[in-house]
Amino acid sequence: MNDNLFTTYTLAKYLQVSARTVQREVSRGRLTFVMVGGRRRYRRDDVEYYLRRQLQRSGFRVIDGGRAQVARFG
């Protein structure tokens, strides 16, 4: 598998959530996917964007500096 694409199940494992949670986030329009061979695939860049948005919504801010770090604000 391409390292830049996740299946629903590999993404769920990566995010440490259930596959149903991934599907729920898709249905809410928070997580995007591409179709490859009739199957959903999630691009790494889209997943990172989703995670940044989730952190911002929760009051955390991503600080870029080599490796991503997280700091609490507010």
C-alpha atoms as a PDB file:
ATOM      1  CA  MET A   1       0.000   0.000   0.000  1.00  0.00           C
ATOM      2  CA  ASN A   2       1.099   3.551  -0.663  1.00  0.00           C
ATOM      3  CA  ASP A   3       2.389   5.163   2.567  1.00  0.00           C
ATOM      4  CA  ASN A   4       0.432   8.309   1.735  1.00  0.00           C
ATOM      5  CA  LEU A   5      -2.959   6.558   1.629  1.00  0.00           C
ATOM      6  CA  PHE A   6      -4.966   4.975   4.424  1.00  0.00           C
ATOM      7  CA  THR A   7      -7.879   2.573   4.215  1.00  0.00           C
ATOM      8  CA  THR A   8     -10.736   3.176   6.652  1.00  0.00           C
ATOM      9  CA  TYR A   9      -9.368   0.487   8.949  1.00  0.00           C
ATOM     10  CA  THR A  10      -5.718   1.559   8.812  1.00  0.00           C
ATOM     11  CA  LEU A  11      -6.793   5.164   9.449  1.00  0.00           C
ATOM     12  CA  ALA A  12      -8.905   4.075  12.409  1.00  0.00           C
ATOM     13  CA  LYS A  13      -5.922   2.233  13.851  1.00  0.00           C
ATOM     14  CA  TYR A  14      -3.641   5.236  13.213  1.00  0.00           C
ATOM     15  CA  LEU A  15      -6.092   7.599  14.954  1.00  0.00           C
ATOM     16  CA  GLN A  16      -6.832   5.039  17.679  1.00  0.00           C
ATOM     17  CA  VAL A  17     -10.574   5.186  17.053  1.00  0.00           C
ATOM     18  CA  SER A  18     -13.107   2.773  15.582  1.00  0.00           C
ATOM     19  CA  ALA A  19     -13.760   2.460  11.861  1.00  0.00           C
ATOM     20  CA  ARG A  20     -17.281   3.693  12.627  1.00  0.00           C
ATOM     21  CA  THR A  21     -15.840   6.927  14.054  1.00  0.00           C
ATOM     22  CA  VAL A  22     -13.882   7.475  10.827  1.00  0.00           C
ATOM     23  CA  GLN A  23     -17.078   6.897   8.820  1.00  0.00           C
ATOM     24  CA  ARG A  24     -18.991   9.287  11.093  1.00  0.00           C
ATOM     25  CA  GLU A  25     -16.403  12.044  10.570  1.00  0.00           C
ATOM     26  CA  VAL A  26     -16.713  11.526   6.797  1.00  0.00           C
ATOM     27  CA  SER A  27     -20.514  11.780   6.944  1.00  0.00           C
ATOM     28  CA  ARG A  28     -20.195  15.018   8.964  1.00  0.00           C
ATOM     29  CA  GLY A  29     -17.943  16.464   6.255  1.00  0.00           C
ATOM     30  CA  ARG A  30     -14.952  16.778   8.572  1.00  0.00           C
ATOM     31  CA  LEU A  31     -12.776  14.175   6.869  1.00  0.00           C
ATOM     32  CA  THR A  32     -12.320  13.846   3.125  1.00  0.00           C
ATOM     33  CA  PHE A  33     -11.436  10.841   1.018  1.00  0.00           C
ATOM     34  CA  VAL A  34     -10.692   9.823  -2.564  1.00  0.00           C
ATOM     35  CA  MET A  35     -12.069   6.801  -4.380  1.00  0.00           C
ATOM     36  CA  VAL A  36      -9.481   4.308  -5.610  1.00  0.00           C
ATOM     37  CA  GLY A  37     -10.807   1.220  -7.349  1.00  0.00           C
ATOM     38  CA  GLY A  38     -14.238   1.793  -5.829  1.00  0.00           C
ATOM     39  CA  ARG A  39     -12.803   1.990  -2.300  1.00  0.00           C
ATOM     40  CA  ARG A  40     -12.334   4.929   0.030  1.00  0.00           C
ATOM     41  CA  ARG A  41      -8.780   6.041   0.638  1.00  0.00           C
ATOM     42  CA  TYR A  42      -7.661   8.857   2.911  1.00  0.00           C
ATOM     43  CA  ARG A  43      -4.653  10.953   1.921  1.00  0.00           C
ATOM     44  CA  ARG A  44      -2.073  11.640   4.618  1.00  0.00           C
ATOM     45  CA  ASP A  45      -2.175  15.408   3.936  1.00  0.00           C
ATOM     46  CA  ASP A  46      -5.968  15.428   4.401  1.00  0.00           C
ATOM     47  CA  VAL A  47      -5.651  13.471   7.649  1.00  0.00           C
ATOM     48  CA  GLU A  48      -3.038  15.906   8.989  1.00  0.00           C
ATOM     49  CA  TYR A  49      -5.300  18.834   8.077  1.00  0.00           C
ATOM     50  CA  TYR A  50      -8.211  17.123   9.847  1.00  0.00           C
ATOM     51  CA  LEU A  51      -6.083  16.598  12.971  1.00  0.00           C
ATOM     52  CA  ARG A  52      -4.931  20.243  13.007  1.00  0.00           C
ATOM     53  CA  ARG A  53      -8.544  21.420  12.763  1.00  0.00           C
ATOM     54  CA  GLN A  54      -9.606  19.076  15.574  1.00  0.00           C
ATOM     55  CA  LEU A  55      -6.796  20.368  17.797  1.00  0.00           C
ATOM     56  CA  GLN A  56      -7.740  23.976  17.084  1.00  0.00           C
ATOM     57  CA  ARG A  57     -11.404  23.282  17.877  1.00  0.00           C
ATOM     58  CA  SER A  58     -10.390  21.763  21.219  1.00  0.00           C
ATOM     59  CA  GLY A  59      -8.345  24.782  22.326  1.00  0.00           C
ATOM     60  CA  PHE A  60      -4.950  23.360  21.424  1.00  0.00           C
ATOM     61  CA  ARG A  61      -2.667  24.905  18.841  1.00  0.00           C
ATOM     62  CA  VAL A  62      -0.124  23.138  16.676  1.00  0.00           C
ATOM     63  CA  ILE A  63       3.318  24.723  16.813  1.00  0.00           C
ATOM     64  CA  ASP A  64       5.360  23.937  13.722  1.00  0.00           C
ATOM     65  CA  GLY A  65       9.073  23.562  14.273  1.00  0.00           C
ATOM     66  CA  GLY A  66      10.530  20.440  12.772  1.00  0.00           C
ATOM     67  CA  ARG A  67       8.224  17.933  14.406  1.00  0.00           C
ATOM     68  CA  ALA A  68       4.713  19.063  15.260  1.00  0.00           C
ATOM     69  CA  GLN A  69       4.193  19.994  18.880  1.00  0.00           C
ATOM     70  CA  VAL A  70       0.981  20.850  20.678  1.00  0.00           C
ATOM     71  CA  ALA A  71       0.424  23.596  23.228  1.00  0.00           C
ATOM     72  CA  ARG A  72      -2.691  24.460  25.220  1.00  0.00           C
ATOM     73  CA  PHE A  73      -4.037  28.002  24.840  1.00  0.00           C
ATOM     74  CA  GLY A  74      -7.103  29.634  26.273  1.00  0.00           C
END
